[in-house]
């Protein structure tokens, strides 16, 4: 498999697996100690809204994987776009009146785009922008990633015409939005990092080791 495609394919599969994992956990927010940690990167504690966004992220990750596999079958690797050089500034023109923007319908599980529409969306955009969109769909943030994975992720976004700054700006906006609302009542407590529990945030770090855990250590002789 071409090296650059292999790297992006690995990232897409890790994000897909993470999305599937948390989609099964958020349906019981009061019982999952890590819910409030993850929910703040969506900017809301409304489970249905989070579920719809996660499902869209999974669909985009699957569409990206399918597109990469088709390129592999054709023997095509990804080409890193050349850095654009700033040219001479053009004389300013009279400002045109802004076009009227049509507000999209709120995203819900009932208004999700079709698989064909998602695949077309992925085909029309640079891979870096697609990865960035998937990260925002899944509420990905640096503190949720295993050591090294965030670096690989951001390098892939930058190398393929995506913007890490845009992702981080939106993550900060969501965190501030979440903090401005009363989502931290006792029913959504912050986990105690000193208390081992199968639902602590340590079980949702994004990275390869999460999906291929090391075998449990065996007890030595007494």
Protein backbone atom coordinates (compact mmCIF):
# COMPACT_ATOMS: atom_id res chain seq x y z
CA UNK A 1 0.00 0.00 0.00
CA UNK A 2 1.34 3.50 -0.82
CA UNK A 3 2.92 5.01 2.29
CA UNK A 4 0.94 8.26 2.43
CA UNK A 5 -2.36 6.52 1.86
CA UNK A 6 -1.47 3.97 4.56
CA UNK A 7 -0.92 6.77 7.09
CA UNK A 8 -4.24 8.52 6.33
CA UNK A 9 -6.06 5.20 6.22
CA UNK A 10 -4.79 4.35 9.70
CA UNK A 11 -5.95 7.72 11.04
CA UNK A 12 -9.39 7.31 9.42
CA UNK A 13 -9.81 3.85 10.93
CA UNK A 14 -8.75 5.00 14.40
CA UNK A 15 -11.22 7.89 14.28
CA UNK A 16 -13.95 5.57 13.00
CA UNK A 17 -13.33 3.12 15.84
CA UNK A 18 -13.36 5.93 18.40
CA UNK A 19 -16.65 7.24 17.05
CA UNK A 20 -18.24 3.80 17.26
CA UNK A 21 -16.98 3.36 20.80
CA UNK A 22 -18.38 6.59 22.22
CA UNK A 23 -21.63 6.25 20.26
CA UNK A 24 -22.38 3.25 22.46
CA UNK A 25 -21.35 5.01 25.66
CA UNK A 26 -23.25 8.29 25.37
CA UNK A 27 -26.64 6.59 25.46
CA UNK A 28 -26.22 6.24 29.24
CA UNK A 29 -24.65 9.55 30.25
CA UNK A 30 -25.63 9.38 33.92
CA UNK A 31 -23.89 6.01 34.27
CA UNK A 32 -20.76 6.88 32.29
CA UNK A 33 -18.30 8.86 34.35
CA UNK A 34 -16.51 10.12 31.26
CA UNK A 35 -19.60 11.69 29.66
CA UNK A 36 -19.01 15.25 30.86
CA UNK A 37 -15.38 15.07 29.68
CA UNK A 38 -16.42 14.17 26.15
CA UNK A 39 -19.62 16.24 25.99
CA UNK A 40 -17.86 19.56 26.53
CA UNK A 41 -16.00 19.09 23.23
CA UNK A 42 -19.41 18.99 21.53
CA UNK A 43 -20.57 22.11 23.35
CA UNK A 44 -23.74 20.40 24.56
CA UNK A 45 -24.97 17.68 26.89
CA UNK A 46 -27.95 16.81 24.68
CA UNK A 47 -27.41 13.17 23.84
CA UNK A 48 -29.45 13.20 20.62
CA UNK A 49 -27.43 16.12 19.22
CA UNK A 50 -24.14 14.43 20.10
CA UNK A 51 -25.31 11.12 18.63
CA UNK A 52 -26.19 12.74 15.29
CA UNK A 53 -22.84 14.50 15.07
CA UNK A 54 -20.95 11.29 15.90
CA UNK A 55 -22.88 9.35 13.26
CA UNK A 56 -21.96 11.94 10.63
CA UNK A 57 -18.29 11.65 11.66
CA UNK A 58 -18.43 7.88 11.30
CA UNK A 59 -19.99 8.21 7.85
CA UNK A 60 -17.29 10.65 6.76
CA UNK A 61 -14.53 8.40 8.08
CA UNK A 62 -15.98 5.44 6.20
CA UNK A 63 -16.28 7.49 3.00
CA UNK A 64 -12.67 8.65 3.35
CA UNK A 65 -11.49 5.08 3.86
CA UNK A 66 -13.41 3.89 0.79
CA UNK A 67 -11.93 6.67 -1.34
CA UNK A 68 -8.40 5.84 -0.18
CA UNK A 69 -8.86 2.15 -0.94
CA UNK A 70 -10.04 2.98 -4.46
CA UNK A 71 -6.86 5.00 -5.00
CA UNK A 72 -4.81 2.09 -3.72
CA UNK A 73 -6.43 -0.23 -6.27
CA UNK A 74 -5.34 2.20 -8.98
CA UNK A 75 -1.81 2.33 -7.58
CA UNK A 76 -2.05 6.04 -6.77
CA UNK A 77 -0.45 7.55 -3.69
CA UNK A 78 -1.38 10.92 -2.26
CA UNK A 79 0.48 13.96 -3.55
CA UNK A 80 1.47 16.55 -0.97
CA UNK A 81 0.33 19.92 -2.37
CA UNK A 82 3.10 22.45 -2.95
CA UNK A 83 3.18 25.42 -0.61
CA UNK A 84 1.68 28.45 -2.30
CA UNK A 85 3.93 31.49 -2.57
CA UNK A 86 2.40 34.84 -1.78
CA UNK A 87 2.14 36.91 -4.96
CA UNK A 88 1.85 40.65 -5.41
CA UNK A 89 -1.23 42.18 -3.89
CA UNK A 90 -3.95 43.03 -6.33
CA UNK A 91 -5.61 46.44 -6.23
CA UNK A 92 -8.68 46.41 -4.07
CA UNK A 93 -12.02 46.23 -5.79
CA UNK A 94 -15.35 47.58 -4.73
CA UNK A 95 -16.88 45.32 -2.16
CA UNK A 96 -19.70 43.19 -3.47
CA UNK A 97 -22.84 42.81 -1.40
CA UNK A 98 -22.75 39.51 0.51
CA UNK A 99 -24.92 36.75 -0.82
CA UNK A 100 -27.80 35.71 1.36
CA UNK A 101 -26.85 32.62 3.32
CA UNK A 102 -29.35 29.80 3.66
CA UNK A 103 -29.18 28.34 7.13
CA UNK A 104 -28.94 24.54 7.03
CA UNK A 105 -31.45 22.48 8.93
CA UNK A 106 -30.32 21.37 12.40
CA UNK A 107 -28.47 18.07 12.29
CA UNK A 108 -30.44 15.21 13.82
CA UNK A 109 -30.46 11.47 13.32
CA UNK A 110 -33.47 12.03 11.03
CA UNK A 111 -31.77 14.71 8.90
CA UNK A 112 -28.41 12.98 8.37
CA UNK A 113 -27.24 13.11 4.75
CA UNK A 114 -27.30 9.93 2.71
CA UNK A 115 -24.20 7.78 2.23
CA UNK A 116 -23.99 8.92 -1.38
CA UNK A 117 -24.11 12.59 -0.34
CA UNK A 118 -21.38 12.08 2.25
CA UNK A 119 -19.17 10.28 -0.28
CA UNK A 120 -19.64 13.14 -2.75
CA UNK A 121 -18.80 15.66 -0.01
CA UNK A 122 -15.55 13.81 0.77
CA UNK A 123 -14.56 13.57 -2.92
CA UNK A 124 -14.93 17.33 -3.44
CA UNK A 125 -12.68 18.37 -0.53
CA UNK A 126 -8.99 18.10 0.29
CA UNK A 127 -8.25 15.18 2.58
CA UNK A 128 -6.93 17.48 5.31
CA UNK A 129 -10.25 19.32 5.47
CA UNK A 130 -12.12 16.03 5.62
CA UNK A 131 -10.02 14.85 8.56
CA UNK A 132 -10.57 18.18 10.31
CA UNK A 133 -14.34 17.85 9.79
CA UNK A 134 -14.30 14.30 11.18
CA UNK A 135 -12.42 15.53 14.26
CA UNK A 136 -15.08 18.15 14.92
CA UNK A 137 -17.88 15.65 14.29
CA UNK A 138 -16.39 13.30 16.89
CA UNK A 139 -15.39 15.96 19.40
CA UNK A 140 -11.70 15.15 19.09
CA UNK A 141 -9.41 17.27 21.28
CA UNK A 142 -5.72 17.02 22.21
CA UNK A 143 -6.43 15.89 25.78
CA UNK A 144 -8.45 12.92 24.48
CA UNK A 145 -5.63 11.61 22.27
CA UNK A 146 -2.89 9.21 23.23
CA UNK A 147 0.67 10.49 23.17
CA UNK A 148 1.88 10.82 19.60
CA UNK A 149 -1.48 10.37 17.89
CA UNK A 150 -2.42 14.05 18.07
CA UNK A 151 0.89 14.92 16.41
CA UNK A 152 0.29 12.44 13.59
CA UNK A 153 -3.25 13.71 13.19
CA UNK A 154 -2.30 17.38 12.96
CA UNK A 155 0.57 16.65 10.58
CA UNK A 156 -1.83 14.82 8.27
CA UNK A 157 -4.31 17.71 8.36
CA UNK A 158 -1.67 20.34 7.58
CA UNK A 159 0.01 18.29 4.84
CA UNK A 160 -3.28 17.79 3.03
CA UNK A 161 -4.65 21.36 2.95
CA UNK A 162 -6.53 21.33 6.22
CA UNK A 163 -6.45 23.80 9.11
CA UNK A 164 -5.57 22.67 12.62
CA UNK A 165 -6.15 26.24 13.84
CA UNK A 166 -9.76 26.05 12.68
CA UNK A 167 -10.28 22.83 14.62
CA UNK A 168 -8.73 24.22 17.81
CA UNK A 169 -10.72 27.46 17.53
CA UNK A 170 -13.99 25.53 17.24
CA UNK A 171 -13.01 23.21 20.11
CA UNK A 172 -12.38 26.26 22.33
CA UNK A 173 -15.71 27.78 21.32
CA UNK A 174 -17.52 24.59 22.25
CA UNK A 175 -15.73 24.30 25.59
CA UNK A 176 -16.67 27.89 26.44
CA UNK A 177 -20.25 27.27 25.35
CA UNK A 178 -20.44 24.17 27.51
CA UNK A 179 -18.97 26.01 30.51
CA UNK A 180 -21.52 28.81 30.14
CA UNK A 181 -24.34 26.36 30.70
CA UNK A 182 -25.26 24.46 33.82
CA UNK A 183 -24.01 21.05 32.67
CA UNK A 184 -21.84 20.27 35.68
CA UNK A 185 -24.46 19.45 38.26
CA UNK A 186 -23.88 16.35 40.44
CA UNK A 187 -25.64 14.11 37.92
CA UNK A 188 -22.68 14.71 35.59
CA UNK A 189 -19.76 14.62 38.05
CA UNK A 190 -16.12 15.00 37.06
CA UNK A 191 -14.39 11.62 37.31
CA UNK A 192 -11.94 10.99 40.11
CA UNK A 193 -8.61 10.14 38.37
CA UNK A 194 -7.39 8.36 41.49
CA UNK A 195 -10.24 5.86 41.53
CA UNK A 196 -9.91 2.99 39.04
CA UNK A 197 -13.09 2.47 37.07
CA UNK A 198 -13.83 0.93 33.69
CA UNK A 199 -15.67 4.10 32.64
CA UNK A 200 -12.97 6.64 33.45
CA UNK A 201 -11.77 8.89 30.61
CA UNK A 202 -8.56 6.84 30.49
CA UNK A 203 -10.53 4.22 28.57
CA UNK A 204 -11.46 6.59 25.73
CA UNK A 205 -8.08 7.96 24.67
CA UNK A 206 -7.85 8.10 20.89
CA UNK A 207 -5.01 6.09 19.41
CA UNK A 208 -3.92 2.68 18.24
CA UNK A 209 -3.28 1.23 21.70
CA UNK A 210 -6.92 1.79 22.66
CA UNK A 211 -8.07 -0.75 20.11
CA UNK A 212 -5.16 -3.17 20.60
CA UNK A 213 -4.68 -3.19 24.39
CA UNK A 214 -1.63 -4.83 25.88
CA UNK A 215 -2.26 -8.18 27.61
CA UNK A 216 -2.77 -8.04 31.36
CA UNK A 217 0.35 -8.64 33.42
CA UNK A 218 0.56 -12.05 35.03
CA UNK A 219 1.20 -12.37 38.75
CA UNK A 220 4.70 -13.38 39.78
CA UNK A 221 5.61 -16.05 42.27
CA UNK A 222 4.53 -15.33 45.80
